[in-house]
PDB file of N, CA and C in Angstrom:
ATOM      1  N   MET A   1      95.031 110.142  80.714  1.00  0.00           N
ATOM      2  CA  MET A   1      94.492 111.880  80.041  1.00  0.00           C
ATOM      3  C   MET A   1      96.178 112.654  81.137  1.00  0.00           C
ATOM      4  N   SER A   2      95.728 113.358  80.569  1.00  0.00           N
ATOM      5  CA  SER A   2      96.072 115.127  81.293  1.00  0.00           C
ATOM      6  C   SER A   2      96.042 115.695  82.418  1.00  0.00           C
ATOM      7  N   LYS A   3      96.594 116.396  84.050  1.00  0.00           N
ATOM      8  CA  LYS A   3      96.103 117.007  84.807  1.00  0.00           C
ATOM      9  C   LYS A   3      96.494 118.312  84.306  1.00  0.00           C
ATOM     10  N   VAL A   4      95.399 119.303  84.130  1.00  0.00           N
ATOM     11  CA  VAL A   4      96.286 120.081  84.072  1.00  0.00           C
ATOM     12  C   VAL A   4      95.323 121.542  85.674  1.00  0.00           C
ATOM     13  N   LEU A   5      96.041 122.032  85.734  1.00  0.00           N
ATOM     14  CA  LEU A   5      96.128 123.143  86.994  1.00  0.00           C
ATOM     15  C   LEU A   5      95.698 124.561  86.366  1.00  0.00           C
ATOM     16  N   VAL A   6      94.729 124.332  86.088  1.00  0.00           N
ATOM     17  CA  VAL A   6      94.449 126.093  86.019  1.00  0.00           C
ATOM     18  C   VAL A   6      94.075 127.328  87.657  1.00  0.00           C
ATOM     19  N   VAL A   7      95.698 128.320  87.117  1.00  0.00           N
ATOM     20  CA  VAL A   7      95.398 129.257  88.294  1.00  0.00           C
ATOM     21  C   VAL A   7      95.402 130.750  87.951  1.00  0.00           C
ATOM     22  N   GLU A   8      93.971 130.967  88.743  1.00  0.00           N
ATOM     23  CA  GLU A   8      93.744 132.013  88.024  1.00  0.00           C
ATOM     24  C   GLU A   8      91.828 133.177  88.987  1.00  0.00           C
ATOM     25  N   ASP A   9      91.936 133.720  89.406  1.00  0.00           N
ATOM     26  CA  ASP A   9      91.966 134.162  90.788  1.00  0.00           C
ATOM     27  C   ASP A   9      90.597 135.376  89.728  1.00  0.00           C
ATOM     28  N   SER A  10      89.992 135.610  88.485  1.00  0.00           N
ATOM     29  CA  SER A  10      88.973 136.167  88.523  1.00  0.00           C
ATOM     30  C   SER A  10      88.156 134.423  87.255  1.00  0.00           C
ATOM     31  N   LEU A  11      86.679 134.501  88.616  1.00  0.00           N
ATOM     32  CA  LEU A  11      85.986 133.226  88.122  1.00  0.00           C
ATOM     33  C   LEU A  11      85.654 133.044  86.433  1.00  0.00           C
ATOM     34  N   PRO A  12      85.177 134.501  85.809  1.00  0.00           N
ATOM     35  CA  PRO A  12      84.630 134.073  84.731  1.00  0.00           C
ATOM     36  C   PRO A  12      85.746 133.488  83.504  1.00  0.00           C
ATOM     37  N   GLN A  13      87.010 134.132  84.118  1.00  0.00           N
ATOM     38  CA  GLN A  13      87.781 133.690  83.670  1.00  0.00           C
ATOM     39  C   GLN A  13      88.310 133.002  83.726  1.00  0.00           C
ATOM     40  N   ARG A  14      88.268 131.260  84.374  1.00  0.00           N
ATOM     41  CA  ARG A  14      89.349 130.571  85.401  1.00  0.00           C
ATOM     42  C   ARG A  14      87.854 129.637  84.949  1.00  0.00           C
ATOM     43  N   GLU A  15      86.935 129.666  85.237  1.00  0.00           N
ATOM     44  CA  GLU A  15      85.574 129.129  84.106  1.00  0.00           C
ATOM     45  C   GLU A  15      85.686 128.560  83.443  1.00  0.00           C
ATOM     46  N   MET A  16      85.568 130.134  82.400  1.00  0.00           N
ATOM     47  CA  MET A  16      85.969 129.986  80.968  1.00  0.00           C
ATOM     48  C   MET A  16      87.601 129.219  80.374  1.00  0.00           C
ATOM     49  N   ILE A  17      88.645 129.064  80.860  1.00  0.00           N
ATOM     50  CA  ILE A  17      89.570 128.561  80.570  1.00  0.00           C
ATOM     51  C   ILE A  17      89.711 127.017  80.941  1.00  0.00           C
ATOM     52  N   ALA A  18      88.656 126.327  81.864  1.00  0.00           N
ATOM     53  CA  ALA A  18      88.751 124.872  83.168  1.00  0.00           C
ATOM     54  C   ALA A  18      88.073 124.536  81.630  1.00  0.00           C
ATOM     55  N   GLY A  19      86.418 125.038  81.397  1.00  0.00           N
ATOM     56  CA  GLY A  19      85.719 124.820  80.483  1.00  0.00           C
ATOM     57  C   GLY A  19      86.564 123.898  78.657  1.00  0.00           C
ATOM     58  N   LEU A  20      87.486 124.882  78.834  1.00  0.00           N
ATOM     59  CA  LEU A  20      87.582 124.956  77.152  1.00  0.00           C
ATOM     60  C   LEU A  20      89.381 123.303  77.404  1.00  0.00           C
ATOM     61  N   LEU A  21      89.385 123.526  78.344  1.00  0.00           N
ATOM     62  CA  LEU A  21      90.008 122.695  78.664  1.00  0.00           C
ATOM     63  C   LEU A  21      90.282 120.990  78.655  1.00  0.00           C
ATOM     64  N   LYS A  22      88.355 121.175  79.575  1.00  0.00           N
ATOM     65  CA  LYS A  22      87.556 119.629  79.538  1.00  0.00           C
ATOM     66  C   LYS A  22      87.138 119.463  78.333  1.00  0.00           C
ATOM     67  N   LYS A  23      86.370 120.543  77.432  1.00  0.00           N
ATOM     68  CA  LYS A  23      86.560 119.909  76.008  1.00  0.00           C
ATOM     69  C   LYS A  23      86.993 119.310  75.202  1.00  0.00           C
ATOM     70  N   SER A  24      88.464 119.699  75.431  1.00  0.00           N
ATOM     71  CA  SER A  24      89.623 119.409  74.716  1.00  0.00           C
ATOM     72  C   SER A  24      89.754 118.089  75.593  1.00  0.00           C
ATOM     73  N   GLY A  25      89.255 117.511  76.256  1.00  0.00           N
ATOM     74  CA  GLY A  25      89.118 116.413  76.820  1.00  0.00           C
ATOM     75  C   GLY A  25      90.466 115.712  77.877  1.00  0.00           C
ATOM     76  N   LEU A  26      90.403 116.879  78.330  1.00  0.00           N
ATOM     77  CA  LEU A  26      91.578 117.002  79.456  1.00  0.00           C
ATOM     78  C   LEU A  26      91.724 116.930  81.401  1.00  0.00           C
ATOM     79  N   ASN A  27      91.141 116.906  81.792  1.00  0.00           N
ATOM     80  CA  ASN A  27      91.203 116.824  83.669  1.00  0.00           C
ATOM     81  C   ASN A  27      92.328 117.136  84.039  1.00  0.00           C
ATOM     82  N   VAL A  28      91.236 118.735  84.956  1.00  0.00           N
ATOM     83  CA  VAL A  28      90.559 120.225  85.354  1.00  0.00           C
ATOM     84  C   VAL A  28      90.951 119.972  86.577  1.00  0.00           C
ATOM     85  N   GLU A  29      91.503 120.695  87.353  1.00  0.00           N
ATOM     86  CA  GLU A  29      91.703 121.276  88.607  1.00  0.00           C
ATOM     87  C   GLU A  29      91.914 123.534  88.951  1.00  0.00           C
ATOM     88  N   GLU A  30      91.654 123.321  89.854  1.00  0.00           N
ATOM     89  CA  GLU A  30      91.217 124.932  89.818  1.00  0.00           C
ATOM     90  C   GLU A  30      91.913 125.545  90.882  1.00  0.00           C
ATOM     91  N   ALA A  31      92.316 126.925  91.203  1.00  0.00           N
ATOM     92  CA  ALA A  31      93.272 127.325  92.332  1.00  0.00           C
ATOM     93  C   ALA A  31      93.099 129.078  91.580  1.00  0.00           C
ATOM     94  N   ILE A  32      92.441 129.832  93.053  1.00  0.00           N
ATOM     95  CA  ILE A  32      92.331 130.903  93.275  1.00  0.00           C
ATOM     96  C   ILE A  32      93.128 131.980  93.031  1.00  0.00           C
ATOM     97  N   ASP A  33      93.982 131.660  93.911  1.00  0.00           N
ATOM     98  CA  ASP A  33      95.738 132.175  93.993  1.00  0.00           C
ATOM     99  C   ASP A  33      96.879 130.951  93.838  1.00  0.00           C
ATOM    100  N   GLY A  34      98.097 132.465  94.362  1.00  0.00           N
ATOM    101  CA  GLY A  34      99.356 131.494  94.161  1.00  0.00           C
ATOM    102  C   GLY A  34      98.882 130.292  95.885  1.00  0.00           C
ATOM    103  N   ALA A  35      98.618 131.128  97.105  1.00  0.00           N
ATOM    104  CA  ALA A  35      98.700 130.168  97.831  1.00  0.00           C
ATOM    105  C   ALA A  35      98.036 129.217  97.068  1.00  0.00           C
ATOM    106  N   GLU A  36      97.069 128.463  96.803  1.00  0.00           N
ATOM    107  CA  GLU A  36      96.202 127.804  96.733  1.00  0.00           C
ATOM    108  C   GLU A  36      97.259 126.631  95.567  1.00  0.00           C
ATOM    109  N   ALA A  37      97.440 127.350  94.385  1.00  0.00           N
ATOM    110  CA  ALA A  37      97.658 126.671  93.122  1.00  0.00           C
ATOM    111  C   ALA A  37      99.784 125.618  93.804  1.00  0.00           C
ATOM    112  N   LEU A  38      99.764 126.634  94.856  1.00  0.00           N
ATOM    113  CA  LEU A  38     100.995 125.393  95.497  1.00  0.00           C
ATOM    114  C   LEU A  38     100.443 124.232  95.878  1.00  0.00           C
ATOM    115  N   GLU A  39      99.632 123.857  97.194  1.00  0.00           N
ATOM    116  CA  GLU A  39      98.986 123.648  97.726  1.00  0.00           C
ATOM    117  C   GLU A  39      98.983 122.534  96.843  1.00  0.00           C
ATOM    118  N   ASN A  40      97.721 123.030  96.253  1.00  0.00           N
ATOM    119  CA  ASN A  40      97.517 122.045  94.404  1.00  0.00           C
ATOM    120  C   ASN A  40      97.839 121.451  94.415  1.00  0.00           C
ATOM    121  N   ILE A  41      98.993 121.734  94.375  1.00  0.00           N
ATOM    122  CA  ILE A  41      99.638 121.063  92.713  1.00  0.00           C
ATOM    123  C   ILE A  41     100.733 120.274  94.154  1.00  0.00           C
ATOM    124  N   GLN A  42     100.961 120.159  95.279  1.00  0.00           N
ATOM    125  CA  GLN A  42     100.793 119.171  96.722  1.00  0.00           C
ATOM    126  C   GLN A  42     100.960 118.295  96.246  1.00  0.00           C
ATOM    127  N   LYS A  43      99.191 118.286  96.012  1.00  0.00           N
ATOM    128  CA  LYS A  43      98.068 117.542  95.880  1.00  0.00           C
ATOM    129  C   LYS A  43      97.639 116.662  94.532  1.00  0.00           C
ATOM    130  N   TYR A  44      98.058 117.691  93.558  1.00  0.00           N
ATOM    131  CA  TYR A  44      97.172 116.697  92.675  1.00  0.00           C
ATOM    132  C   TYR A  44      98.282 116.537  91.409  1.00  0.00           C
ATOM    133  N   SER A  45      99.766 116.584  91.565  1.00  0.00           N
ATOM    134  CA  SER A  45     100.833 116.055  90.784  1.00  0.00           C
ATOM    135  C   SER A  45     100.380 116.861  89.481  1.00  0.00           C
ATOM    136  N   PRO A  46     100.136 118.073  88.768  1.00  0.00           N
ATOM    137  CA  PRO A  46      99.393 118.801  87.634  1.00  0.00           C
ATOM    138  C   PRO A  46     100.623 118.171  86.367  1.00  0.00           C
ATOM    139  N   ASP A  47     100.396 117.888  85.143  1.00  0.00           N
ATOM    140  CA  ASP A  47     101.043 117.289  84.003  1.00  0.00           C
ATOM    141  C   ASP A  47     101.424 118.973  83.538  1.00  0.00           C
ATOM    142  N   LEU A  48     100.350 119.682  83.916  1.00  0.00           N
ATOM    143  CA  LEU A  48     101.157 121.062  83.794  1.00  0.00           C
ATOM    144  C   LEU A  48      99.914 122.509  83.630  1.00  0.00           C
ATOM    145  N   VAL A  49     100.126 123.086  84.970  1.00  0.00           N
ATOM    146  CA  VAL A  49      99.797 124.975  84.648  1.00  0.00           C
ATOM    147  C   VAL A  49      99.693 125.745  84.578  1.00  0.00           C
ATOM    148  N   VAL A  50      98.560 126.430  84.150  1.00  0.00           N
ATOM    149  CA  VAL A  50      97.898 127.440  83.722  1.00  0.00           C
ATOM    150  C   VAL A  50      97.961 128.118  84.423  1.00  0.00           C
ATOM    151  N   LEU A  51      98.872 130.025  84.115  1.00  0.00           N
ATOM    152  CA  LEU A  51      99.277 130.351  85.816  1.00  0.00           C
ATOM    153  C   LEU A  51      99.009 131.864  85.067  1.00  0.00           C
ATOM    154  N   ASP A  52      97.911 132.442  85.887  1.00  0.00           N
ATOM    155  CA  ASP A  52      97.189 133.791  85.919  1.00  0.00           C
ATOM    156  C   ASP A  52      98.427 134.505  86.464  1.00  0.00           C
ATOM    157  N   ILE A  53      99.426 136.298  86.072  1.00  0.00           N
ATOM    158  CA  ILE A  53      99.911 136.620  87.099  1.00  0.00           C
ATOM    159  C   ILE A  53     100.178 137.551  88.367  1.00  0.00           C
ATOM    160  N   VAL A  54      98.792 138.408  88.038  1.00  0.00           N
ATOM    161  CA  VAL A  54      97.510 139.572  88.946  1.00  0.00           C
ATOM    162  C   VAL A  54      97.222 138.738  89.997  1.00  0.00           C
ATOM    163  N   MET A  55      97.693 138.008  90.634  1.00  0.00           N
ATOM    164  CA  MET A  55      96.901 137.012  91.823  1.00  0.00           C
ATOM    165  C   MET A  55      96.931 137.686  93.493  1.00  0.00           C
ATOM    166  N   PRO A  56      96.457 137.529  93.899  1.00  0.00           N
ATOM    167  CA  PRO A  56      95.926 138.352  95.680  1.00  0.00           C
ATOM    168  C   PRO A  56      96.942 137.197  96.050  1.00  0.00           C
ATOM    169  N   LYS A  57      97.609 137.245  97.480  1.00  0.00           N
ATOM    170  CA  LYS A  57      98.057 136.065  98.285  1.00  0.00           C
ATOM    171  C   LYS A  57     100.112 136.331  97.540  1.00  0.00           C
ATOM    172  N   MET A  58     100.085 136.105  95.956  1.00  0.00           N
ATOM    173  CA  MET A  58     101.564 135.091  95.830  1.00  0.00           C
ATOM    174  C   MET A  58     100.912 135.390  93.961  1.00  0.00           C
ATOM    175  N   ASN A  59     102.027 136.246  93.776  1.00  0.00           N
ATOM    176  CA  ASN A  59     101.656 135.992  92.736  1.00  0.00           C
ATOM    177  C   ASN A  59     102.072 135.581  91.324  1.00  0.00           C
ATOM    178  N   GLY A  60     102.155 135.215  89.974  1.00  0.00           N
ATOM    179  CA  GLY A  60     102.541 134.124  89.201  1.00  0.00           C
ATOM    180  C   GLY A  60     103.527 133.639  89.133  1.00  0.00           C
ATOM    181  N   TYR A  61     104.616 134.867  89.188  1.00  0.00           N
ATOM    182  CA  TYR A  61     105.904 134.813  88.483  1.00  0.00           C
ATOM    183  C   TYR A  61     106.165 134.133  89.920  1.00  0.00           C
ATOM    184  N   GLU A  62     106.447 134.531  91.066  1.00  0.00           N
ATOM    185  CA  GLU A  62     106.942 133.505  92.502  1.00  0.00           C
ATOM    186  C   GLU A  62     106.275 132.619  92.432  1.00  0.00           C
ATOM    187  N   VAL A  63     104.795 132.319  92.119  1.00  0.00           N
ATOM    188  CA  VAL A  63     104.237 130.708  91.819  1.00  0.00           C
ATOM    189  C   VAL A  63     105.594 129.106  91.044  1.00  0.00           C
ATOM    190  N   CYS A  64     105.475 130.522  90.162  1.00  0.00           N
ATOM    191  CA  CYS A  64     107.060 129.692  89.179  1.00  0.00           C
ATOM    192  C   CYS A  64     108.049 129.959  88.985  1.00  0.00           C
ATOM    193  N   ARG A  65     108.333 130.326  90.200  1.00  0.00           N
ATOM    194  CA  ARG A  65     109.518 131.262  90.455  1.00  0.00           C
ATOM    195  C   ARG A  65     109.797 128.797  91.552  1.00  0.00           C
ATOM    196  N   ARG A  66     108.499 129.228  92.508  1.00  0.00           N
ATOM    197  CA  ARG A  66     109.337 127.752  93.377  1.00  0.00           C
ATOM    198  C   ARG A  66     108.860 127.145  92.740  1.00  0.00           C
ATOM    199  N   LEU A  67     107.948 126.938  91.609  1.00  0.00           N
ATOM    200  CA  LEU A  67     107.448 125.464  90.676  1.00  0.00           C
ATOM    201  C   LEU A  67     109.338 124.923  90.375  1.00  0.00           C
ATOM    202  N   LYS A  68     110.019 126.303  89.843  1.00  0.00           N
ATOM    203  CA  LYS A  68     110.769 125.528  89.130  1.00  0.00           C
ATOM    204  C   LYS A  68     112.662 124.940  89.431  1.00  0.00           C
ATOM    205  N   SER A  69     112.064 125.788  91.176  1.00  0.00           N
ATOM    206  CA  SER A  69     112.989 125.851  92.262  1.00  0.00           C
ATOM    207  C   SER A  69     113.103 124.785  92.733  1.00  0.00           C
ATOM    208  N   ASP A  70     111.969 123.540  92.700  1.00  0.00           N
ATOM    209  CA  ASP A  70     111.563 122.485  93.232  1.00  0.00           C
ATOM    210  C   ASP A  70     111.860 121.417  91.967  1.00  0.00           C
ATOM    211  N   PRO A  71     112.854 120.190  92.471  1.00  0.00           N
ATOM    212  CA  PRO A  71     113.225 119.958  92.259  1.00  0.00           C
ATOM    213  C   PRO A  71     111.816 118.279  91.772  1.00  0.00           C
ATOM    214  N   LYS A  72     111.352 118.292  92.744  1.00  0.00           N
ATOM    215  CA  LYS A  72     109.776 117.409  92.067  1.00  0.00           C
ATOM    216  C   LYS A  72     108.835 117.869  91.007  1.00  0.00           C
ATOM    217  N   THR A  73     108.480 119.024  90.969  1.00  0.00           N
ATOM    218  CA  THR A  73     107.963 120.375  90.065  1.00  0.00           C
ATOM    219  C   THR A  73     108.755 120.953  89.401  1.00  0.00           C
ATOM    220  N   GLN A  74     109.528 120.903  88.502  1.00  0.00           N
ATOM    221  CA  GLN A  74     110.591 121.810  88.013  1.00  0.00           C
ATOM    222  C   GLN A  74     109.976 121.197  86.793  1.00  0.00           C
ATOM    223  N   ASN A  75     109.896 120.456  86.198  1.00  0.00           N
ATOM    224  CA  ASN A  75     110.120 119.274  85.326  1.00  0.00           C
ATOM    225  C   ASN A  75     108.305 119.569  84.193  1.00  0.00           C
ATOM    226  N   VAL A  76     107.710 120.573  85.155  1.00  0.00           N
ATOM    227  CA  VAL A  76     105.844 120.478  85.134  1.00  0.00           C
ATOM    228  C   VAL A  76     105.522 121.484  83.657  1.00  0.00           C
ATOM    229  N   PRO A  77     105.973 121.962  82.807  1.00  0.00           N
ATOM    230  CA  PRO A  77     105.046 123.207  82.398  1.00  0.00           C
ATOM    231  C   PRO A  77     104.612 123.258  82.502  1.00  0.00           C
ATOM    232  N   VAL A  78     104.932 124.716  82.700  1.00  0.00           N
ATOM    233  CA  VAL A  78     103.828 126.170  82.858  1.00  0.00           C
ATOM    234  C   VAL A  78     103.758 127.106  81.363  1.00  0.00           C
ATOM    235  N   VAL A  79     102.624 127.557  81.517  1.00  0.00           N
ATOM    236  CA  VAL A  79     101.781 128.625  81.056  1.00  0.00           C
ATOM    237  C   VAL A  79     101.682 129.798  81.494  1.00  0.00           C
ATOM    238  N   MET A  80     102.120 131.123  81.054  1.00  0.00           N
ATOM    239  CA  MET A  80     101.361 132.006  81.878  1.00  0.00           C
ATOM    240  C   MET A  80     100.514 132.516  80.950  1.00  0.00           C
ATOM    241  N   CYS A  81      99.590 132.629  82.007  1.00  0.00           N
ATOM    242  CA  CYS A  81      98.060 132.881  80.369  1.00  0.00           C
ATOM    243  C   CYS A  81      97.388 135.110  81.700  1.00  0.00           C
ATOM    244  N   SER A  82      98.221 136.116  80.951  1.00  0.00           N
ATOM    245  CA  SER A  82      97.882 137.297  81.642  1.00  0.00           C
ATOM    246  C   SER A  82      97.475 138.236  80.815  1.00  0.00           C
ATOM    247  N   SER A  83      96.849 139.471  81.712  1.00  0.00           N
ATOM    248  CA  SER A  83      96.569 140.149  80.431  1.00  0.00           C
ATOM    249  C   SER A  83      98.085 141.663  80.287  1.00  0.00           C
ATOM    250  N   LYS A  84      98.751 141.013  80.318  1.00  0.00           N
ATOM    251  CA  LYS A  84      99.866 141.471  80.850  1.00  0.00           C
ATOM    252  C   LYS A  84     101.185 141.703  79.375  1.00  0.00           C
ATOM    253  N   GLY A  85     100.370 141.944  77.943  1.00  0.00           N
ATOM    254  CA  GLY A  85     101.564 141.289  77.271  1.00  0.00           C
ATOM    255  C   GLY A  85     102.615 141.955  76.926  1.00  0.00           C
ATOM    256  N   GLU A  86     103.085 143.304  77.624  1.00  0.00           N
ATOM    257  CA  GLU A  86     103.882 143.865  76.637  1.00  0.00           C
ATOM    258  C   GLU A  86     105.031 143.430  76.738  1.00  0.00           C
ATOM    259  N   GLU A  87     105.766 143.277  75.695  1.00  0.00           N
ATOM    260  CA  GLU A  87     107.214 142.946  76.258  1.00  0.00           C
ATOM    261  C   GLU A  87     107.782 142.555  77.005  1.00  0.00           C
ATOM    262  N   PHE A  88     107.685 143.177  77.835  1.00  0.00           N
ATOM    263  CA  PHE A  88     109.103 142.541  78.894  1.00  0.00           C
ATOM    264  C   PHE A  88     107.961 141.933  80.096  1.00  0.00           C
ATOM    265  N   ASP A  89     106.744 142.298  79.874  1.00  0.00           N
ATOM    266  CA  ASP A  89     105.831 141.442  80.968  1.00  0.00           C
ATOM    267  C   ASP A  89     106.654 139.657  80.527  1.00  0.00           C
ATOM    268  N   ARG A  90     106.363 139.402  78.682  1.00  0.00           N
ATOM    269  CA  ARG A  90     106.417 137.925  78.237  1.00  0.00           C
ATOM    270  C   ARG A  90     108.327 138.003  79.081  1.00  0.00           C
ATOM    271  N   TYR A  91     108.787 138.991  78.285  1.00  0.00           N
ATOM    272  CA  TYR A  91     110.217 138.369  78.996  1.00  0.00           C
ATOM    273  C   TYR A  91     110.561 138.009  80.398  1.00  0.00           C
ATOM    274  N   TRP A  92     110.136 138.550  81.417  1.00  0.00           N
ATOM    275  CA  TRP A  92     109.888 137.834  82.263  1.00  0.00           C
ATOM    276  C   TRP A  92     109.482 137.233  83.066  1.00  0.00           C
ATOM    277  N   GLY A  93     108.683 136.590  82.752  1.00  0.00           N
ATOM    278  CA  GLY A  93     107.421 135.288  82.158  1.00  0.00           C
ATOM    279  C   GLY A  93     108.898 134.477  81.676  1.00  0.00           C
ATOM    280  N   MET A  94     108.728 134.171  81.405  1.00  0.00           N
ATOM    281  CA  MET A  94     110.126 133.401  80.290  1.00  0.00           C
ATOM    282  C   MET A  94     111.472 133.072  81.556  1.00  0.00           C
ATOM    283  N   LYS A  95     111.518 134.372  81.631  1.00  0.00           N
ATOM    284  CA  LYS A  95     113.085 134.350  83.079  1.00  0.00           C
ATOM    285  C   LYS A  95     112.723 133.463  84.441  1.00  0.00           C
ATOM    286  N   GLN A  96     110.990 134.267  84.948  1.00  0.00           N
ATOM    287  CA  GLN A  96     110.816 132.782  86.121  1.00  0.00           C
ATOM    288  C   GLN A  96     110.863 131.823  85.623  1.00  0.00           C
ATOM    289  N   GLY A  97     111.164 131.884  84.110  1.00  0.00           N
ATOM    290  CA  GLY A  97     110.782 129.653  84.296  1.00  0.00           C
ATOM    291  C   GLY A  97     109.810 129.002  83.350  1.00  0.00           C
ATOM    292  N   ALA A  98     108.601 130.118  83.096  1.00  0.00           N
ATOM    293  CA  ALA A  98     107.460 129.475  82.276  1.00  0.00           C
ATOM    294  C   ALA A  98     108.374 128.686  80.917  1.00  0.00           C
ATOM    295  N   ASP A  99     107.109 128.727  80.528  1.00  0.00           N
ATOM    296  CA  ASP A  99     107.527 127.458  79.167  1.00  0.00           C
ATOM    297  C   ASP A  99     107.067 127.931  78.006  1.00  0.00           C
ATOM    298  N   ALA A 100     105.562 129.045  78.535  1.00  0.00           N
ATOM    299  CA  ALA A 100     104.914 129.409  77.170  1.00  0.00           C
ATOM    300  C   ALA A 100     104.322 130.820  78.196  1.00  0.00           C
ATOM    301  N   TYR A 101     103.968 131.862  77.520  1.00  0.00           N
ATOM    302  CA  TYR A 101     102.990 133.331  77.742  1.00  0.00           C
ATOM    303  C   TYR A 101     102.655 133.207  76.253  1.00  0.00           C
ATOM    304  N   ILE A 102     101.061 133.330  77.599  1.00  0.00           N
ATOM    305  CA  ILE A 102      99.752 133.740  76.700  1.00  0.00           C
ATOM    306  C   ILE A 102      99.533 134.936  77.030  1.00  0.00           C
ATOM    307  N   SER A 103      98.792 136.642  76.430  1.00  0.00           N
ATOM    308  CA  SER A 103      98.525 137.100  76.529  1.00  0.00           C
ATOM    309  C   SER A 103      97.187 137.264  76.066  1.00  0.00           C
ATOM    310  N   LYS A 104      95.657 137.521  77.344  1.00  0.00           N
ATOM    311  CA  LYS A 104      94.944 137.498  77.200  1.00  0.00           C
ATOM    312  C   LYS A 104      94.322 139.575  76.563  1.00  0.00           C
ATOM    313  N   PRO A 105      93.444 139.088  76.052  1.00  0.00           N
ATOM    314  CA  PRO A 105      92.929 138.200  75.319  1.00  0.00           C
ATOM    315  C   PRO A 105      93.026 136.931  74.192  1.00  0.00           C
ATOM    316  N   PHE A 106      92.817 135.544  74.645  1.00  0.00           N
ATOM    317  CA  PHE A 106      94.192 134.982  74.149  1.00  0.00           C
ATOM    318  C   PHE A 106      92.731 134.389  72.906  1.00  0.00           C
ATOM    319  N   ASP A 107      93.913 133.168  71.947  1.00  0.00           N
ATOM    320  CA  ASP A 107      92.771 132.549  70.446  1.00  0.00           C
ATOM    321  C   ASP A 107      92.723 130.999  71.368  1.00  0.00           C
ATOM    322  N   PRO A 108      91.075 130.784  72.181  1.00  0.00           N
ATOM    323  CA  PRO A 108      91.402 129.193  71.876  1.00  0.00           C
ATOM    324  C   PRO A 108      92.872 128.276  71.802  1.00  0.00           C
ATOM    325  N   ILE A 109      92.253 128.271  70.235  1.00  0.00           N
ATOM    326  CA  ILE A 109      93.487 127.415  69.673  1.00  0.00           C
ATOM    327  C   ILE A 109      94.562 127.456  69.343  1.00  0.00           C
ATOM    328  N   GLU A 110      94.581 128.459  69.981  1.00  0.00           N
ATOM    329  CA  GLU A 110      96.157 128.637  70.391  1.00  0.00           C
ATOM    330  C   GLU A 110      96.373 128.166  72.084  1.00  0.00           C
ATOM    331  N   LEU A 111      95.886 128.799  73.112  1.00  0.00           N
ATOM    332  CA  LEU A 111      95.895 127.989  74.563  1.00  0.00           C
ATOM    333  C   LEU A 111      95.751 125.713  73.781  1.00  0.00           C
ATOM    334  N   ILE A 112      95.060 125.978  73.702  1.00  0.00           N
ATOM    335  CA  ILE A 112      94.726 124.775  73.384  1.00  0.00           C
ATOM    336  C   ILE A 112      95.870 123.747  72.675  1.00  0.00           C
ATOM    337  N   GLY A 113      96.553 124.509  72.511  1.00  0.00           N
ATOM    338  CA  GLY A 113      98.052 123.706  70.443  1.00  0.00           C
ATOM    339  C   GLY A 113      98.841 123.358  71.595  1.00  0.00           C
ATOM    340  N   THR A 114      99.096 125.380  72.263  1.00  0.00           N
ATOM    341  CA  THR A 114     100.253 125.241  73.263  1.00  0.00           C
ATOM    342  C   THR A 114     100.768 124.190  74.357  1.00  0.00           C
ATOM    343  N   ILE A 115      99.657 124.193  75.006  1.00  0.00           N
ATOM    344  CA  ILE A 115      99.108 123.432  76.210  1.00  0.00           C
ATOM    345  C   ILE A 115      99.434 121.828  75.011  1.00  0.00           C
ATOM    346  N   ARG A 116      98.427 121.387  74.038  1.00  0.00           N
ATOM    347  CA  ARG A 116      99.280 120.499  73.605  1.00  0.00           C
ATOM    348  C   ARG A 116     100.381 119.712  73.116  1.00  0.00           C
ATOM    349  N   GLN A 117     101.023 120.226  72.846  1.00  0.00           N
ATOM    350  CA  GLN A 117     103.080 120.485  72.832  1.00  0.00           C
ATOM    351  C   GLN A 117     103.220 120.145  73.587  1.00  0.00           C
ATOM    352  N   LEU A 118     103.140 121.252  75.044  1.00  0.00           N
ATOM    353  CA  LEU A 118     103.947 121.338  76.122  1.00  0.00           C
ATOM    354  C   LEU A 118     103.560 119.897  76.657  1.00  0.00           C
ATOM    355  N   LEU A 119     102.611 119.239  76.145  1.00  0.00           N
ATOM    356  CA  LEU A 119     102.347 118.161  77.438  1.00  0.00           C
ATOM    357  C   LEU A 119     102.619 116.379  76.345  1.00  0.00           C
ATOM    358  N   ARG A 120     102.836 116.821  75.535  1.00  0.00           N
ATOM    359  CA  ARG A 120     103.301 115.965  74.156  1.00  0.00           C
ATOM    360  C   ARG A 120     105.464 116.194  74.650  1.00  0.00           C
ATOM    361  N   GLY A 121     105.972 116.805  74.666  1.00  0.00           N
ATOM    362  CA  GLY A 121     107.238 117.597  74.797  1.00  0.00           C
ATOM    363  C   GLY A 121     107.425 116.492  75.385  1.00  0.00           C
TER     364      GLY A 121
END
């Protein structure tokens, strides 16, 4: 069973995303900010990371850059999931190494489909 780390500082959003992923048969770990995300990535070795952008301590762009520049984690797919939905935000997220970018509010089917596709990749 695949392991997904959900990084989201908003409790209701984090619970909603985690619940959705658990219902679709994935193991889910959670982190509330970028610093905790980096700790949990080392601890749990997730198969994929769902990453918010606007968070305390360290934003999602920085977390993504660090993951993609580390040989141990560079192949872990990153799905940025953010309320920052402008074309520039999407472009910048992909430029940081994200494998997919989903704007909030999102369609749950789109999120699950994107994650499944990346996990198969």
